Amino acid sequence: MELGVHLPLADLGEGLPTGPELRTYAAAAVELGFTAVAANDHLVWRTPWLDGLTALAVVSGHTADARLVTSVALPVIRHPVVLAKALASLATLAQGPVVAGLGAGSSREDHQLVGVPFEQRWARFDEAFRVVRALIAGEAVAEGHFYSSTEARLEPVTGAVSVWSASWGSPVRLRTLAREADGWVASAYNTDPIRFRATRAELDTHLRAAGRDPTVFGDLVATTWLYVTDDPAAAHHMVEDLLAPLLRRDAEGLAAHLPIGSVEHCASVLSEYAAAGAGAVLLWPLRDPLGQLEVVAERVRPLVAG
């Protein structure tokens, strides 16, 4: 199982990073052996948040051949043609491959800001996904309900881009992404290793039904909030006082299946994902981002089975 990192785009109590800080973080992550650098996508959230695509472009010259990942970008919010253009440009600038992870978005506020009814997000997403995929492949866009057909093509993409789809595991979403996507993006705070294994098995069934080979269909677990500490009170504070209110999730559930706590606990969580068959886990440090990556590389990763 590979380990990747999220760019620390949200202000989680230490302010927003500068461009030089992001470049230093990304370069250090690659030097430490992390194989992917990812950015999430929100217009607004419960705390200040930098634009994910812009941040990936800022670090793209400092990540060697690591994968750049959108985890996930929102074609309904950004418009699929605009997003496809940005992804094509990122792939041209990047030294390594780009994983264009796409999702419908879970923020009602984001949709309201751009005048898109939140209730339409899935219908719009299914159509927008096909538009992005067509344009990235250099194909024309078919006529749809929300987006018009066009014979216009984007400039040829000179880098490697695969288009993945996010899902929390509903049967409808799994069937759709098995037919149309290149890979699956799971959410670490909406699953756990046991559920991940079961969902991946269901996805494999849909892939075989669609005539596709599950062994070449990638997956990753995104937004895996991380904080390695030998101080139980510090770990409790991160979950109870910071993460649970931000995510509006149950603190006990988060503490059980996120790598927040001792070296042994964090290694155990990651080992469980490896045993469940996860292809990659993307880590997002809650504090001291660079220091946390160093701790993972030096103390946690050697204990991770798989």
C-alpha atoms as a PDB file:
ATOM      1  CA  MET A   1       0.000   0.000   0.000  1.00  0.00           C
ATOM      2  CA  GLU A   2       1.280   3.457  -0.918  1.00  0.00           C
ATOM      3  CA  LEU A   3       1.149   6.473   1.356  1.00  0.00           C
ATOM      4  CA  GLY A   4       0.489   9.942  -0.022  1.00  0.00           C
ATOM      5  CA  VAL A   5      -0.159  13.346   1.510  1.00  0.00           C
ATOM      6  CA  HIS A   6      -2.729  16.099   1.341  1.00  0.00           C
ATOM      7  CA  LEU A   7      -1.610  19.673   0.996  1.00  0.00           C
ATOM      8  CA  PRO A   8      -2.572  21.446   4.260  1.00  0.00           C
ATOM      9  CA  LEU A   9      -5.014  23.847   2.604  1.00  0.00           C
ATOM     10  CA  ALA A  10      -7.343  24.508   5.545  1.00  0.00           C
ATOM     11  CA  ASP A  11      -6.665  26.698   8.561  1.00  0.00           C
ATOM     12  CA  LEU A  12      -6.838  24.187  11.395  1.00  0.00           C
ATOM     13  CA  GLY A  13      -5.448  26.556  13.998  1.00  0.00           C
ATOM     14  CA  GLU A  14      -2.026  27.408  12.586  1.00  0.00           C
ATOM     15  CA  GLY A  15      -3.145  29.725   9.791  1.00  0.00           C
ATOM     16  CA  LEU A  16      -3.028  29.161   6.045  1.00  0.00           C
ATOM     17  CA  PRO A  17       0.268  28.152   4.435  1.00  0.00           C
ATOM     18  CA  THR A  18       2.207  30.393   2.074  1.00  0.00           C
ATOM     19  CA  GLY A  19       3.338  29.336  -1.384  1.00  0.00           C
ATOM     20  CA  PRO A  20       6.932  28.693  -0.264  1.00  0.00           C
ATOM     21  CA  GLU A  21       5.659  26.652   2.702  1.00  0.00           C
ATOM     22  CA  LEU A  22       3.519  24.500   0.402  1.00  0.00           C
ATOM     23  CA  ARG A  23       6.439  23.928  -1.956  1.00  0.00           C
ATOM     24  CA  THR A  24       8.728  22.982   0.931  1.00  0.00           C
ATOM     25  CA  TYR A  25       6.098  20.605   2.318  1.00  0.00           C
ATOM     26  CA  ALA A  26       5.466  18.924  -1.041  1.00  0.00           C
ATOM     27  CA  ALA A  27       9.168  18.536  -1.849  1.00  0.00           C
ATOM     28  CA  ALA A  28       9.853  17.109   1.613  1.00  0.00           C
ATOM     29  CA  ALA A  29       6.954  14.657   1.270  1.00  0.00           C
ATOM     30  CA  VAL A  30       8.406  13.261  -1.937  1.00  0.00           C
ATOM     31  CA  GLU A  31      11.892  13.127  -0.408  1.00  0.00           C
ATOM     32  CA  LEU A  32      10.432  11.157   2.517  1.00  0.00           C
ATOM     33  CA  GLY A  33       8.954   8.573   0.148  1.00  0.00           C
ATOM     34  CA  PHE A  34       5.313   9.625  -0.102  1.00  0.00           C
ATOM     35  CA  THR A  35       4.116   8.851  -3.615  1.00  0.00           C
ATOM     36  CA  ALA A  36       1.170  11.234  -4.096  1.00  0.00           C
ATOM     37  CA  VAL A  37       0.360  14.869  -3.322  1.00  0.00           C
ATOM     38  CA  ALA A  38      -3.339  15.696  -3.149  1.00  0.00           C
ATOM     39  CA  ALA A  39      -5.643  18.692  -2.755  1.00  0.00           C
ATOM     40  CA  ASN A  40      -9.281  18.840  -1.746  1.00  0.00           C
ATOM     41  CA  ASP A  41     -11.829  21.254  -3.205  1.00  0.00           C
ATOM     42  CA  HIS A  42     -14.172  23.717  -1.479  1.00  0.00           C
ATOM     43  CA  LEU A  43     -15.192  27.252  -2.283  1.00  0.00           C
ATOM     44  CA  VAL A  44     -16.139  27.864   1.331  1.00  0.00           C
ATOM     45  CA  TRP A  45     -15.952  25.666   4.409  1.00  0.00           C
ATOM     46  CA  ARG A  46     -16.174  26.023   8.178  1.00  0.00           C
ATOM     47  CA  THR A  47     -12.651  27.432   8.244  1.00  0.00           C
ATOM     48  CA  PRO A  48     -10.531  29.339   5.684  1.00  0.00           C
ATOM     49  CA  TRP A  49      -9.517  27.098   2.762  1.00  0.00           C
ATOM     50  CA  LEU A  50      -7.119  27.623  -0.151  1.00  0.00           C
ATOM     51  CA  ASP A  51      -8.100  26.672  -3.698  1.00  0.00           C
ATOM     52  CA  GLY A  52      -6.980  23.112  -4.362  1.00  0.00           C
ATOM     53  CA  LEU A  53      -6.167  23.313  -8.066  1.00  0.00           C
ATOM     54  CA  THR A  54      -4.189  26.506  -7.579  1.00  0.00           C
ATOM     55  CA  ALA A  55      -2.224  24.878  -4.764  1.00  0.00           C
ATOM     56  CA  LEU A  56      -1.400  21.832  -6.888  1.00  0.00           C
ATOM     57  CA  ALA A  57      -0.130  24.116  -9.643  1.00  0.00           C
ATOM     58  CA  VAL A  58       2.025  25.982  -7.089  1.00  0.00           C
ATOM     59  CA  VAL A  59       3.772  22.759  -6.013  1.00  0.00           C
ATOM     60  CA  SER A  60       3.795  20.948  -9.373  1.00  0.00           C
ATOM     61  CA  GLY A  61       7.447  21.737 -10.059  1.00  0.00           C
ATOM     62  CA  HIS A  62       8.537  20.411  -6.659  1.00  0.00           C
ATOM     63  CA  THR A  63       6.953  16.943  -6.595  1.00  0.00           C
ATOM     64  CA  ALA A  64       9.247  15.044  -9.005  1.00  0.00           C
ATOM     65  CA  ASP A  65       7.298  12.130 -10.501  1.00  0.00           C
ATOM     66  CA  ALA A  66       4.802  11.756  -7.628  1.00  0.00           C
ATOM     67  CA  ARG A  67       1.124  11.598  -8.559  1.00  0.00           C
ATOM     68  CA  LEU A  68      -0.841  14.823  -8.233  1.00  0.00           C
ATOM     69  CA  VAL A  69      -4.366  14.052  -7.070  1.00  0.00           C
ATOM     70  CA  THR A  70      -7.578  16.061  -6.848  1.00  0.00           C
ATOM     71  CA  SER A  71      -9.369  14.475  -3.926  1.00  0.00           C
ATOM     72  CA  VAL A  72     -11.821  15.524  -5.097  1.00  0.00           C
ATOM     73  CA  ALA A  73     -12.465  18.324  -7.626  1.00  0.00           C
ATOM     74  CA  LEU A  74     -16.056  19.445  -8.167  1.00  0.00           C
ATOM     75  CA  PRO A  75     -17.135  19.709 -11.833  1.00  0.00           C
ATOM     76  CA  VAL A  76     -20.667  20.798 -10.921  1.00  0.00           C
ATOM     77  CA  ILE A  77     -19.312  23.740  -8.913  1.00  0.00           C
ATOM     78  CA  ARG A  78     -16.494  24.706 -11.290  1.00  0.00           C
ATOM     79  CA  HIS A  79     -18.274  23.788 -14.593  1.00  0.00           C
ATOM     80  CA  PRO A  80     -16.930  20.655 -16.291  1.00  0.00           C
ATOM     81  CA  VAL A  81     -15.357  22.443 -19.258  1.00  0.00           C
ATOM     82  CA  VAL A  82     -13.487  24.893 -17.012  1.00  0.00           C
ATOM     83  CA  LEU A  83     -12.351  22.052 -14.756  1.00  0.00           C
ATOM     84  CA  ALA A  84     -11.242  19.895 -17.714  1.00  0.00           C
ATOM     85  CA  LYS A  85      -9.140  22.792 -18.993  1.00  0.00           C
ATOM     86  CA  ALA A  86      -7.515  23.237 -15.571  1.00  0.00           C
ATOM     87  CA  LEU A  87      -6.781  19.517 -15.254  1.00  0.00           C
ATOM     88  CA  ALA A  88      -5.313  19.378 -18.745  1.00  0.00           C
ATOM     89  CA  SER A  89      -3.089  22.334 -17.902  1.00  0.00           C
ATOM     90  CA  LEU A  90      -2.005  20.747 -14.608  1.00  0.00           C
ATOM     91  CA  ALA A  91      -1.076  17.531 -16.425  1.00  0.00           C
ATOM     92  CA  THR A  92       1.024  19.535 -18.866  1.00  0.00           C
ATOM     93  CA  LEU A  93       2.837  21.322 -16.033  1.00  0.00           C
ATOM     94  CA  ALA A  94       3.326  18.268 -13.811  1.00  0.00           C
ATOM     95  CA  GLN A  95       6.345  15.978 -13.949  1.00  0.00           C
ATOM     96  CA  GLY A  96       4.308  12.942 -12.883  1.00  0.00           C
ATOM     97  CA  PRO A  97       0.822  11.596 -13.588  1.00  0.00           C
ATOM     98  CA  VAL A  98      -2.374  13.385 -12.550  1.00  0.00           C
ATOM     99  CA  VAL A  99      -5.289  11.563 -10.930  1.00  0.00           C
ATOM    100  CA  ALA A 100      -8.367  13.670 -11.567  1.00  0.00           C
ATOM    101  CA  GLY A 101     -10.572  12.569  -8.699  1.00  0.00           C
ATOM    102  CA  LEU A 102     -14.058  14.000  -9.217  1.00  0.00           C
ATOM    103  CA  GLY A 103     -17.042  14.221  -6.882  1.00  0.00           C
ATOM    104  CA  ALA A 104     -20.443  15.839  -6.567  1.00  0.00           C
ATOM    105  CA  GLY A 105     -19.551  17.810  -3.441  1.00  0.00           C
ATOM    106  CA  SER A 106     -21.236  17.616  -0.056  1.00  0.00           C
ATOM    107  CA  SER A 107     -21.384  21.343   0.741  1.00  0.00           C
ATOM    108  CA  ARG A 108     -24.764  22.996   0.266  1.00  0.00           C
ATOM    109  CA  GLU A 109     -23.039  26.383   0.611  1.00  0.00           C
ATOM    110  CA  ASP A 110     -20.730  25.710  -2.356  1.00  0.00           C
ATOM    111  CA  HIS A 111     -23.709  24.934  -4.562  1.00  0.00           C
ATOM    112  CA  GLN A 112     -25.643  27.977  -3.395  1.00  0.00           C
ATOM    113  CA  LEU A 113     -22.702  30.253  -4.194  1.00  0.00           C
ATOM    114  CA  VAL A 114     -22.686  29.213  -7.865  1.00  0.00           C
ATOM    115  CA  GLY A 115     -26.483  29.047  -8.219  1.00  0.00           C
ATOM    116  CA  VAL A 116     -26.760  25.264  -8.572  1.00  0.00           C
ATOM    117  CA  PRO A 117     -29.640  23.566  -6.712  1.00  0.00           C
ATOM    118  CA  PHE A 118     -28.111  21.192  -4.177  1.00  0.00           C
ATOM    119  CA  GLU A 119     -30.802  18.617  -4.955  1.00  0.00           C
ATOM    120  CA  GLN A 120     -29.561  18.403  -8.552  1.00  0.00           C
ATOM    121  CA  ARG A 121     -25.949  17.672  -7.659  1.00  0.00           C
ATOM    122  CA  TRP A 122     -25.927  13.965  -8.549  1.00  0.00           C
ATOM    123  CA  ALA A 123     -27.791  14.308 -11.837  1.00  0.00           C
ATOM    124  CA  ARG A 124     -25.496  17.160 -12.804  1.00  0.00           C
ATOM    125  CA  PHE A 125     -22.423  15.298 -11.617  1.00  0.00           C
ATOM    126  CA  ASP A 126     -23.080  12.212 -13.729  1.00  0.00           C
ATOM    127  CA  GLU A 127     -23.329  14.380 -16.825  1.00  0.00           C
ATOM    128  CA  ALA A 128     -20.420  16.632 -15.834  1.00  0.00           C
ATOM    129  CA  PHE A 129     -18.199  13.608 -15.202  1.00  0.00           C
ATOM    130  CA  ARG A 130     -18.743  12.425 -18.768  1.00  0.00           C
ATOM    131  CA  VAL A 131     -17.979  15.921 -20.113  1.00  0.00           C
ATOM    132  CA  VAL A 132     -14.670  16.110 -18.221  1.00  0.00           C
ATOM    133  CA  ARG A 133     -13.718  12.600 -19.284  1.00  0.00           C
ATOM    134  CA  ALA A 134     -14.500  13.299 -22.942  1.00  0.00           C
ATOM    135  CA  LEU A 135     -12.550  16.543 -23.033  1.00  0.00           C
ATOM    136  CA  ILE A 136      -9.531  15.046 -21.262  1.00  0.00           C
ATOM    137  CA  ALA A 137      -9.563  12.269 -23.883  1.00  0.00           C
ATOM    138  CA  GLY A 138      -9.710  14.820 -26.714  1.00  0.00           C
ATOM    139  CA  GLU A 139     -13.248  13.861 -27.689  1.00  0.00           C
ATOM    140  CA  ALA A 140     -16.364  15.861 -28.515  1.00  0.00           C
ATOM    141  CA  VAL A 141     -19.011  16.408 -25.846  1.00  0.00           C
ATOM    142  CA  ALA A 142     -22.375  14.747 -26.339  1.00  0.00           C
ATOM    143  CA  GLU A 143     -25.616  16.661 -25.876  1.00  0.00           C
ATOM    144  CA  GLY A 144     -26.924  16.479 -22.338  1.00  0.00           C
ATOM    145  CA  HIS A 145     -29.665  17.886 -20.152  1.00  0.00           C
ATOM    146  CA  PHE A 146     -27.410  20.376 -18.326  1.00  0.00           C
ATOM    147  CA  TYR A 147     -24.470  20.800 -20.701  1.00  0.00           C
ATOM    148  CA  SER A 148     -24.579  21.382 -24.453  1.00  0.00           C
ATOM    149  CA  SER A 149     -22.762  19.299 -27.025  1.00  0.00           C
ATOM    150  CA  THR A 150     -19.741  20.730 -28.787  1.00  0.00           C
ATOM    151  CA  GLU A 151     -17.341  19.582 -31.455  1.00  0.00           C
ATOM    152  CA  ALA A 152     -14.627  21.783 -29.944  1.00  0.00           C
ATOM    153  CA  ARG A 153     -11.716  19.950 -28.372  1.00  0.00           C
ATOM    154  CA  LEU A 154      -9.191  21.002 -25.769  1.00  0.00           C
ATOM    155  CA  GLU A 155      -5.562  21.099 -26.751  1.00  0.00           C
ATOM    156  CA  PRO A 156      -4.021  17.609 -26.541  1.00  0.00           C
ATOM    157  CA  VAL A 157      -3.086  16.667 -22.994  1.00  0.00           C
ATOM    158  CA  THR A 158       0.653  16.082 -22.928  1.00  0.00           C
ATOM    159  CA  GLY A 159       0.739  14.465 -19.483  1.00  0.00           C
ATOM    160  CA  ALA A 160      -0.883  11.341 -18.082  1.00  0.00           C
ATOM    161  CA  VAL A 161      -4.382  11.915 -16.653  1.00  0.00           C
ATOM    162  CA  SER A 162      -6.772   9.310 -15.283  1.00  0.00           C
ATOM    163  CA  VAL A 163     -10.301  10.253 -14.200  1.00  0.00           C
ATOM    164  CA  TRP A 164     -11.495   8.709 -10.931  1.00  0.00           C
ATOM    165  CA  SER A 165     -14.816   9.044  -9.130  1.00  0.00           C
ATOM    166  CA  ALA A 166     -15.540   9.529  -5.444  1.00  0.00           C
ATOM    167  CA  SER A 167     -18.111   7.465  -3.593  1.00  0.00           C
ATOM    168  CA  TRP A 168     -18.971   6.800   0.025  1.00  0.00           C
ATOM    169  CA  GLY A 169     -20.175   3.374  -1.105  1.00  0.00           C
ATOM    170  CA  SER A 170     -23.798   3.544  -2.230  1.00  0.00           C
ATOM    171  CA  PRO A 171     -24.759   0.772  -4.703  1.00  0.00           C
ATOM    172  CA  VAL A 172     -25.883   3.285  -7.333  1.00  0.00           C
ATOM    173  CA  ARG A 173     -22.585   5.181  -7.183  1.00  0.00           C
ATOM    174  CA  LEU A 174     -20.521   1.994  -7.281  1.00  0.00           C
ATOM    175  CA  ARG A 175     -22.334   0.719 -10.364  1.00  0.00           C
ATOM    176  CA  THR A 176     -21.851   4.046 -12.118  1.00  0.00           C
ATOM    177  CA  LEU A 177     -18.158   4.431 -11.368  1.00  0.00           C
ATOM    178  CA  ALA A 178     -17.544   0.779 -12.314  1.00  0.00           C
ATOM    179  CA  ARG A 179     -18.822   1.619 -15.791  1.00  0.00           C
ATOM    180  CA  GLU A 180     -17.283   5.058 -16.279  1.00  0.00           C
ATOM    181  CA  ALA A 181     -14.299   5.791 -14.020  1.00  0.00           C
ATOM    182  CA  ASP A 182     -10.637   4.790 -13.973  1.00  0.00           C
ATOM    183  CA  GLY A 183     -10.530   4.428 -10.200  1.00  0.00           C
ATOM    184  CA  TRP A 184     -12.346   4.951  -6.882  1.00  0.00           C
ATOM    185  CA  VAL A 185     -11.728   7.660  -4.282  1.00  0.00           C
ATOM    186  CA  ALA A 186     -12.981   6.677  -0.808  1.00  0.00           C
ATOM    187  CA  SER A 187     -13.280   9.023   2.180  1.00  0.00           C
ATOM    188  CA  ALA A 188     -11.444   8.091   5.378  1.00  0.00           C
ATOM    189  CA  TYR A 189     -13.885   9.886   7.670  1.00  0.00           C
ATOM    190  CA  ASN A 190     -16.863   8.209   6.008  1.00  0.00           C
ATOM    191  CA  THR A 191     -15.543   4.658   6.097  1.00  0.00           C
ATOM    192  CA  ASP A 192     -13.238   2.344   8.051  1.00  0.00           C
ATOM    193  CA  PRO A 193     -11.042  -0.582   7.002  1.00  0.00           C
ATOM    194  CA  ILE A 194     -13.793  -3.193   7.448  1.00  0.00           C
ATOM    195  CA  ARG A 195     -16.312  -1.186   5.441  1.00  0.00           C
ATOM    196  CA  PHE A 196     -13.672  -0.352   2.845  1.00  0.00           C
ATOM    197  CA  ARG A 197     -12.970  -4.037   2.243  1.00  0.00           C
ATOM    198  CA  ALA A 198     -16.679  -4.809   1.839  1.00  0.00           C
ATOM    199  CA  THR A 199     -17.260  -1.850  -0.472  1.00  0.00           C
ATOM    200  CA  ARG A 200     -14.271  -2.746  -2.625  1.00  0.00           C
ATOM    201  CA  ALA A 201     -15.600  -6.314  -2.952  1.00  0.00           C
ATOM    202  CA  GLU A 202     -18.973  -4.939  -4.086  1.00  0.00           C
ATOM    203  CA  LEU A 203     -17.226  -2.626  -6.534  1.00  0.00           C
ATOM    204  CA  ASP A 204     -15.254  -5.548  -7.965  1.00  0.00           C
ATOM    205  CA  THR A 205     -18.517  -7.372  -8.616  1.00  0.00           C
ATOM    206  CA  HIS A 206     -19.825  -4.378 -10.575  1.00  0.00           C
ATOM    207  CA  LEU A 207     -16.542  -4.107 -12.483  1.00  0.00           C
ATOM    208  CA  ARG A 208     -16.723  -7.731 -13.591  1.00  0.00           C
ATOM    209  CA  ALA A 209     -20.358  -7.253 -14.601  1.00  0.00           C
ATOM    210  CA  ALA A 210     -19.229  -4.296 -16.749  1.00  0.00           C
ATOM    211  CA  GLY A 211     -16.559  -6.452 -18.398  1.00  0.00           C
ATOM    212  CA  ARG A 212     -13.673  -4.748 -16.622  1.00  0.00           C
ATOM    213  CA  ASP A 213     -10.691  -6.186 -14.771  1.00  0.00           C
ATOM    214  CA  PRO A 214     -10.760  -5.275 -11.036  1.00  0.00           C
ATOM    215  CA  THR A 215      -7.017  -5.892 -10.695  1.00  0.00           C
ATOM    216  CA  VAL A 216      -6.192  -2.824 -12.808  1.00  0.00           C
ATOM    217  CA  PHE A 217      -8.857  -0.556 -11.299  1.00  0.00           C
ATOM    218  CA  GLY A 218      -7.222   1.713  -8.732  1.00  0.00           C
ATOM    219  CA  ASP A 219      -8.479   2.995  -5.401  1.00  0.00           C
ATOM    220  CA  LEU A 220      -7.312   5.341  -2.680  1.00  0.00           C
ATOM    221  CA  VAL A 221      -8.511   6.490   0.729  1.00  0.00           C
ATOM    222  CA  ALA A 222      -8.534  10.283   0.879  1.00  0.00           C
ATOM    223  CA  THR A 223      -8.710  12.852   3.677  1.00  0.00           C
ATOM    224  CA  THR A 224      -7.136  10.588   6.268  1.00  0.00           C
ATOM    225  CA  TRP A 225      -6.683  13.073   9.095  1.00  0.00           C
ATOM    226  CA  LEU A 226      -3.468  12.370  10.993  1.00  0.00           C
ATOM    227  CA  TYR A 227      -1.803  13.353  14.233  1.00  0.00           C
ATOM    228  CA  VAL A 228       0.880  11.177  15.797  1.00  0.00           C
ATOM    229  CA  THR A 229       1.408  11.849  19.495  1.00  0.00           C
ATOM    230  CA  ASP A 230       2.342   9.903  22.593  1.00  0.00           C
ATOM    231  CA  ASP A 231       0.183  12.268  24.664  1.00  0.00           C
ATOM    232  CA  PRO A 232      -3.369  10.853  25.029  1.00  0.00           C
ATOM    233  CA  ALA A 233      -4.681  14.282  26.067  1.00  0.00           C
ATOM    234  CA  ALA A 234      -3.328  15.852  22.866  1.00  0.00           C
ATOM    235  CA  ALA A 235      -4.922  13.119  20.737  1.00  0.00           C
ATOM    236  CA  HIS A 236      -8.215  13.565  22.594  1.00  0.00           C
ATOM    237  CA  HIS A 237      -8.093  17.322  21.974  1.00  0.00           C
ATOM    238  CA  MET A 238      -7.502  16.851  18.241  1.00  0.00           C
ATOM    239  CA  VAL A 239     -10.536  14.617  17.879  1.00  0.00           C
ATOM    240  CA  GLU A 240     -12.976  16.080  20.410  1.00  0.00           C
ATOM    241  CA  ASP A 241     -12.255  19.787  20.113  1.00  0.00           C
ATOM    242  CA  LEU A 242     -11.022  20.191  16.538  1.00  0.00           C
ATOM    243  CA  LEU A 243     -11.992  17.427  14.134  1.00  0.00           C
ATOM    244  CA  ALA A 244     -15.399  16.249  15.343  1.00  0.00           C
ATOM    245  CA  PRO A 245     -16.932  19.773  15.342  1.00  0.00           C
ATOM    246  CA  LEU A 246     -15.414  20.595  11.935  1.00  0.00           C
ATOM    247  CA  LEU A 247     -16.630  17.389  10.304  1.00  0.00           C
ATOM    248  CA  ARG A 248     -19.842  17.140  12.323  1.00  0.00           C
ATOM    249  CA  ARG A 249     -19.044  13.520  13.035  1.00  0.00           C
ATOM    250  CA  ASP A 250     -19.061  11.381  16.164  1.00  0.00           C
ATOM    251  CA  ALA A 251     -15.772  11.795  18.004  1.00  0.00           C
ATOM    252  CA  GLU A 252     -15.612   8.205  19.224  1.00  0.00           C
ATOM    253  CA  GLY A 253     -15.986   6.805  15.715  1.00  0.00           C
ATOM    254  CA  LEU A 254     -13.345   9.139  14.328  1.00  0.00           C
ATOM    255  CA  ALA A 255     -10.855   8.237  17.060  1.00  0.00           C
ATOM    256  CA  ALA A 256     -11.261   4.531  16.387  1.00  0.00           C
ATOM    257  CA  HIS A 257     -10.434   4.462  12.687  1.00  0.00           C
ATOM    258  CA  LEU A 258      -8.283   7.516  11.993  1.00  0.00           C
ATOM    259  CA  PRO A 259      -4.498   7.587  12.634  1.00  0.00           C
ATOM    260  CA  ILE A 260      -4.673  10.010  15.526  1.00  0.00           C
ATOM    261  CA  GLY A 261      -2.779   8.948  18.636  1.00  0.00           C
ATOM    262  CA  SER A 262       0.259   6.851  19.404  1.00  0.00           C
ATOM    263  CA  VAL A 263       2.718   5.515  16.854  1.00  0.00           C
ATOM    264  CA  GLU A 264       1.340   2.034  17.470  1.00  0.00           C
ATOM    265  CA  HIS A 265      -2.283   3.121  16.973  1.00  0.00           C
ATOM    266  CA  CYS A 266      -1.503   4.994  13.761  1.00  0.00           C
ATOM    267  CA  ALA A 267       0.484   2.056  12.377  1.00  0.00           C
ATOM    268  CA  SER A 268      -2.348  -0.294  13.300  1.00  0.00           C
ATOM    269  CA  VAL A 269      -4.953   1.800  11.459  1.00  0.00           C
ATOM    270  CA  LEU A 270      -2.799   1.988   8.337  1.00  0.00           C
ATOM    271  CA  SER A 271      -2.008  -1.730   8.527  1.00  0.00           C
ATOM    272  CA  GLU A 272      -5.732  -2.471   8.632  1.00  0.00           C
ATOM    273  CA  TYR A 273      -6.239  -0.480   5.432  1.00  0.00           C
ATOM    274  CA  ALA A 274      -3.351  -2.350   3.828  1.00  0.00           C
ATOM    275  CA  ALA A 275      -4.904  -5.655   4.867  1.00  0.00           C
ATOM    276  CA  ALA A 276      -8.228  -4.484   3.436  1.00  0.00           C
ATOM    277  CA  GLY A 277      -6.543  -4.063   0.055  1.00  0.00           C
ATOM    278  CA  ALA A 278      -6.349  -0.266  -0.180  1.00  0.00           C
ATOM    279  CA  GLY A 279      -4.043   0.857  -2.959  1.00  0.00           C
ATOM    280  CA  ALA A 280      -3.100   4.142  -1.287  1.00  0.00           C
ATOM    281  CA  VAL A 281      -3.945   6.207   1.783  1.00  0.00           C
ATOM    282  CA  LEU A 282      -3.607  10.006   1.664  1.00  0.00           C
ATOM    283  CA  LEU A 283      -2.621  11.552   5.012  1.00  0.00           C
ATOM    284  CA  TRP A 284      -3.578  15.059   6.179  1.00  0.00           C
ATOM    285  CA  PRO A 285      -1.685  16.236   9.302  1.00  0.00           C
ATOM    286  CA  LEU A 286      -3.830  18.256  11.706  1.00  0.00           C
ATOM    287  CA  ARG A 287      -0.864  20.216  13.132  1.00  0.00           C
ATOM    288  CA  ASP A 288       2.836  20.728  12.318  1.00  0.00           C
ATOM    289  CA  PRO A 289       2.429  19.232   8.817  1.00  0.00           C
ATOM    290  CA  LEU A 290       6.099  18.742   7.953  1.00  0.00           C
ATOM    291  CA  GLY A 291       7.019  17.442  11.381  1.00  0.00           C
ATOM    292  CA  GLN A 292       4.159  14.958  11.262  1.00  0.00           C
ATOM    293  CA  LEU A 293       5.281  13.597   7.883  1.00  0.00           C
ATOM    294  CA  GLU A 294       8.759  13.064   9.293  1.00  0.00           C
ATOM    295  CA  VAL A 295       7.325  11.136  12.254  1.00  0.00           C
ATOM    296  CA  VAL A 296       5.264   8.962   9.922  1.00  0.00           C
ATOM    297  CA  ALA A 297       8.245   8.228   7.696  1.00  0.00           C
ATOM    298  CA  GLU A 298      10.634   7.496  10.560  1.00  0.00           C
ATOM    299  CA  ARG A 299       8.434   5.838  13.187  1.00  0.00           C
ATOM    300  CA  VAL A 300       5.019   4.834  11.800  1.00  0.00           C
ATOM    301  CA  ARG A 301       5.665   3.559   8.278  1.00  0.00           C
ATOM    302  CA  PRO A 302       8.242   0.934   9.371  1.00  0.00           C
ATOM    303  CA  LEU A 303       5.509  -0.657  11.519  1.00  0.00           C
ATOM    304  CA  VAL A 304       2.835  -0.710   8.785  1.00  0.00           C
ATOM    305  CA  ALA A 305       2.232  -4.193   7.447  1.00  0.00           C
ATOM    306  CA  GLY A 306       1.867  -4.234   3.649  1.00  0.00           C
END
